[in-house]
Amino acid sequence: MSYQVKEIFRTLQGEGAQAGRVAVFCRFAGCNLWSGREADRETAQCRFCDTDFIGMDGAGGGKFDTPQALAAAIARAWDAPPRDHAYVVFTGGEPLLQLDEPLLEALHEAGFACAVETNGTCELPDGLDWICVSPKAGTELVACAGDELKLVFPQEGLDPTDLEPLAFSHFFLQPMDGPHLAEYTAAAATYCQAHPRWRLSLQTHKFIGLP
């Protein structure tokens, strides 16, 4: 299998339980809930995505013909000893359209812990070290267990309470970015105070100017 990657870069994880951790982000091209084109946004299953995942023209992006080739590109992007803390986050688009066990095996051999940020509509491959699921309203959730559930809030038709029976270690509300961010942040903070199982997740990388 070949892999189509939008970009690969090293930064700090800005969200959720791993916020502040050094990580290589590998952003796969493509998604199953939106084409990525603005012309299609109003008919997409997910209309609020703020990420460019079209094509393979980002920094470090391209087509990789083998798991070993992509693992090597990720290792080059890390370029920060010691390798025993190496961490890669697979994101998108929807990374589980491409992420597979051979790639995870190649990265484990290279010394990486492997995380995924997924919308939860695809089966999870074996071998992941950290699973973050971000459900989207109107979709069927296939990945119902993991380390972190991160709900973009608010979403019409998706009540946080309905997700609480799922088998996750951490539950986060993340205010939806956009023109109503301040309003949604206040609403998420109020909800978390009233429902202590939930914690507030902010996109700190945007505050400090990191990708």
Protein backbone atom coordinates (compact mmCIF):
# COMPACT_ATOMS: atom_id res chain seq x y z
CA MET A 1 0.00 0.00 0.00
CA SER A 2 1.19 3.53 -0.75
CA TYR A 3 0.45 6.50 1.51
CA GLN A 4 -0.65 9.97 0.46
CA VAL A 5 0.54 12.54 2.98
CA LYS A 6 -0.32 16.22 3.06
CA GLU A 7 2.47 17.23 5.46
CA ILE A 8 4.90 16.05 8.12
CA PHE A 9 6.20 18.44 10.77
CA ARG A 10 7.51 18.53 14.34
CA THR A 11 5.73 20.74 16.86
CA LEU A 12 4.10 20.60 20.29
CA GLN A 13 0.79 18.83 20.69
CA GLY A 14 -1.61 21.66 21.41
CA GLU A 15 -4.77 19.87 22.52
CA GLY A 16 -6.14 17.37 24.97
CA ALA A 17 -4.37 15.10 27.43
CA GLN A 18 -1.02 15.21 25.60
CA ALA A 19 -0.89 19.02 25.29
CA GLY A 20 2.65 20.35 25.45
CA ARG A 21 4.31 17.12 24.31
CA VAL A 22 6.82 17.25 21.45
CA ALA A 23 5.42 15.34 18.49
CA VAL A 24 5.79 14.77 14.79
CA PHE A 25 2.46 15.25 13.06
CA CYS A 26 1.82 13.17 9.97
CA ARG A 27 -1.25 14.56 8.22
CA PHE A 28 -2.74 12.17 5.69
CA ALA A 29 -4.57 13.53 2.67
CA GLY A 30 -8.28 12.85 2.31
CA CYS A 31 -11.33 12.50 4.54
CA ASN A 32 -14.59 10.55 4.48
CA LEU A 33 -16.71 13.37 5.95
CA TRP A 34 -15.74 16.28 3.67
CA SER A 35 -13.89 16.68 0.37
CA GLY A 36 -11.90 19.60 1.78
CA ARG A 37 -13.24 21.96 -0.89
CA GLU A 38 -15.12 25.04 0.28
CA ALA A 39 -17.67 24.52 -2.49
CA ASP A 40 -18.69 21.25 -0.80
CA ARG A 41 -18.76 22.45 2.80
CA GLU A 42 -22.52 22.99 3.08
CA THR A 43 -23.26 19.44 1.95
CA ALA A 44 -20.49 17.78 3.98
CA GLN A 45 -21.13 15.54 6.98
CA CYS A 46 -18.64 17.67 8.92
CA ARG A 47 -19.00 21.36 8.09
CA PHE A 48 -16.70 22.99 10.66
CA CYS A 49 -13.31 21.46 9.84
CA ASP A 50 -10.55 24.10 9.77
CA THR A 51 -7.77 21.94 8.29
CA ASP A 52 -6.27 21.83 4.79
CA PHE A 53 -5.85 18.14 3.96
CA ILE A 54 -6.12 18.29 0.16
CA GLY A 55 -3.20 17.03 -1.90
CA MET A 56 0.39 16.23 -0.97
CA ASP A 57 2.00 19.65 -1.31
CA GLY A 58 2.67 20.53 2.34
CA ALA A 59 6.05 20.55 4.06
CA GLY A 60 7.36 16.97 4.11
CA GLY A 61 4.33 15.73 2.20
CA GLY A 62 4.24 13.39 -0.77
CA LYS A 63 3.48 9.86 -1.83
CA PHE A 64 5.28 7.11 0.07
CA ASP A 65 5.34 3.69 -1.52
CA THR A 66 6.25 1.61 1.54
CA PRO A 67 5.74 1.76 5.31
CA GLN A 68 9.51 1.97 5.73
CA ALA A 69 9.76 5.02 3.47
CA LEU A 70 7.11 6.92 5.42
CA ALA A 71 8.60 5.83 8.76
CA ALA A 72 11.98 7.15 7.63
CA ALA A 73 10.45 10.51 6.68
CA ILE A 74 8.81 10.76 10.09
CA ALA A 75 12.10 9.90 11.80
CA ARG A 76 13.87 12.66 9.84
CA ALA A 77 11.22 15.13 10.95
CA TRP A 78 11.80 14.18 14.60
CA ASP A 79 15.54 14.97 14.45
CA ALA A 80 15.67 15.56 18.20
CA PRO A 81 17.42 13.09 20.49
CA PRO A 82 16.71 11.13 22.59
CA ARG A 83 14.60 8.80 20.49
CA ASP A 84 13.10 7.14 23.57
CA HIS A 85 10.63 10.04 23.79
CA ALA A 86 9.80 10.03 20.07
CA TYR A 87 6.08 10.45 19.42
CA VAL A 88 4.11 10.66 16.20
CA VAL A 89 0.48 11.76 15.82
CA PHE A 90 -1.41 10.60 12.75
CA THR A 91 -4.10 13.01 11.74
CA GLY A 92 -5.89 14.27 8.64
CA GLY A 93 -8.43 14.53 7.13
CA GLU A 94 -9.20 11.05 8.39
CA PRO A 95 -5.99 9.11 9.04
CA LEU A 96 -7.63 5.70 9.37
CA LEU A 97 -8.38 5.68 5.66
CA GLN A 98 -4.63 4.97 5.24
CA LEU A 99 -2.96 4.17 8.57
CA ASP A 100 -2.26 0.45 8.89
CA GLU A 101 -0.41 -2.08 11.02
CA PRO A 102 2.72 -2.34 8.81
CA LEU A 103 3.32 1.41 9.20
CA LEU A 104 2.83 1.22 12.96
CA GLU A 105 5.24 -1.71 13.14
CA ALA A 106 7.86 0.21 11.15
CA LEU A 107 7.57 3.19 13.49
CA HIS A 108 7.77 1.06 16.62
CA GLU A 109 10.96 -0.43 15.24
CA ALA A 110 12.24 3.14 14.80
CA GLY A 111 11.50 3.92 18.46
CA PHE A 112 8.25 5.89 18.12
CA ALA A 113 5.09 5.80 20.17
CA CYS A 114 2.15 6.15 17.78
CA ALA A 115 -1.03 8.16 18.32
CA VAL A 116 -4.05 8.76 16.12
CA GLU A 117 -6.64 11.54 16.00
CA THR A 118 -9.70 10.13 14.24
CA ASN A 119 -13.37 10.93 13.73
CA GLY A 120 -14.11 7.38 14.89
CA THR A 121 -15.97 6.17 11.81
CA CYS A 122 -13.31 3.60 10.77
CA GLU A 123 -11.91 0.47 12.38
CA LEU A 124 -8.76 0.98 14.43
CA PRO A 125 -5.65 -1.00 13.46
CA ASP A 126 -3.75 -2.93 16.12
CA GLY A 127 -0.60 -1.37 17.49
CA LEU A 128 -1.69 2.16 18.42
CA ASP A 129 -0.25 3.58 21.64
CA TRP A 130 -2.71 6.47 22.03
CA ILE A 131 -6.21 6.75 20.57
CA CYS A 132 -8.04 10.07 20.41
CA VAL A 133 -11.56 9.98 18.95
CA SER A 134 -13.39 13.16 17.97
CA PRO A 135 -17.01 12.23 17.14
CA LYS A 136 -18.98 14.16 14.56
CA ALA A 137 -22.75 14.61 14.65
CA GLY A 138 -24.73 12.47 12.22
CA THR A 139 -22.08 9.78 11.79
CA GLU A 140 -21.89 6.20 13.02
CA LEU A 141 -19.20 5.81 15.68
CA VAL A 142 -17.17 2.64 15.12
CA ALA A 143 -14.25 3.39 17.45
CA CYS A 144 -16.02 3.41 20.82
CA ALA A 145 -13.04 2.92 23.12
CA GLY A 146 -9.63 4.50 23.55
CA ASP A 147 -7.56 6.89 25.61
CA GLU A 148 -9.20 10.21 24.86
CA LEU A 149 -12.58 11.34 23.60
CA LYS A 150 -12.39 14.94 22.37
CA LEU A 151 -15.71 16.45 21.37
CA VAL A 152 -15.76 19.67 19.38
CA PHE A 153 -18.47 21.69 21.13
CA PRO A 154 -21.24 22.54 20.49
CA GLN A 155 -22.56 20.24 17.77
CA GLU A 156 -26.27 20.15 17.05
CA GLY A 157 -27.58 16.63 17.54
CA LEU A 158 -24.61 15.43 19.62
CA ASP A 159 -25.11 15.69 23.38
CA PRO A 160 -21.96 15.08 25.46
CA THR A 161 -24.01 13.09 27.96
CA ASP A 162 -24.77 10.48 25.31
CA LEU A 163 -21.05 9.78 24.93
CA GLU A 164 -20.27 9.21 28.60
CA PRO A 165 -20.94 5.43 28.55
CA LEU A 166 -18.10 4.96 26.03
CA ALA A 167 -14.86 3.36 27.22
CA PHE A 168 -12.42 6.28 27.24
CA SER A 169 -9.99 7.33 29.96
CA HIS A 170 -10.35 11.08 29.30
CA PHE A 171 -13.32 13.17 28.17
CA PHE A 172 -12.65 16.62 26.70
CA LEU A 173 -14.81 19.40 25.31
CA GLN A 174 -13.02 21.56 22.76
CA PRO A 175 -14.72 24.81 21.74
CA MET A 176 -15.46 24.98 18.02
CA ASP A 177 -13.10 27.43 16.33
CA GLY A 178 -14.47 30.23 14.17
CA PRO A 179 -16.31 33.53 14.61
CA HIS A 180 -18.12 32.31 17.75
CA LEU A 181 -15.04 30.94 19.52
CA ALA A 182 -15.35 33.17 22.60
CA GLU A 183 -19.02 32.27 23.03
CA TYR A 184 -18.37 28.55 22.56
CA THR A 185 -15.39 28.63 24.93
CA ALA A 186 -17.55 30.15 27.66
CA ALA A 187 -20.28 27.58 27.01
CA ALA A 188 -17.79 24.69 27.14
CA ALA A 189 -16.29 25.99 30.37
CA THR A 190 -19.74 26.27 31.92
CA TYR A 191 -20.62 22.75 30.80
CA CYS A 192 -17.41 21.29 32.26
CA GLN A 193 -18.06 22.97 35.60
CA ALA A 194 -21.54 21.44 35.71
CA HIS A 195 -20.36 18.02 34.45
CA PRO A 196 -17.01 17.26 36.12
CA ARG A 197 -16.29 14.18 34.06
CA TRP A 198 -15.53 16.54 31.17
CA ARG A 199 -12.40 18.68 30.93
CA LEU A 200 -11.80 21.74 28.78
CA SER A 201 -9.39 21.37 25.85
CA LEU A 202 -8.05 24.51 24.19
CA GLN A 203 -5.97 24.72 21.00
CA THR A 204 -2.93 26.15 22.70
CA HIS A 205 -0.70 25.79 19.65
CA LYS A 206 -2.79 28.49 17.95
CA PHE A 207 -2.28 30.84 20.88
CA ILE A 208 1.51 30.64 20.60
CA GLY A 209 1.79 30.51 16.82
CA LEU A 210 2.74 26.86 16.28
CA PRO A 211 1.34 24.70 13.45
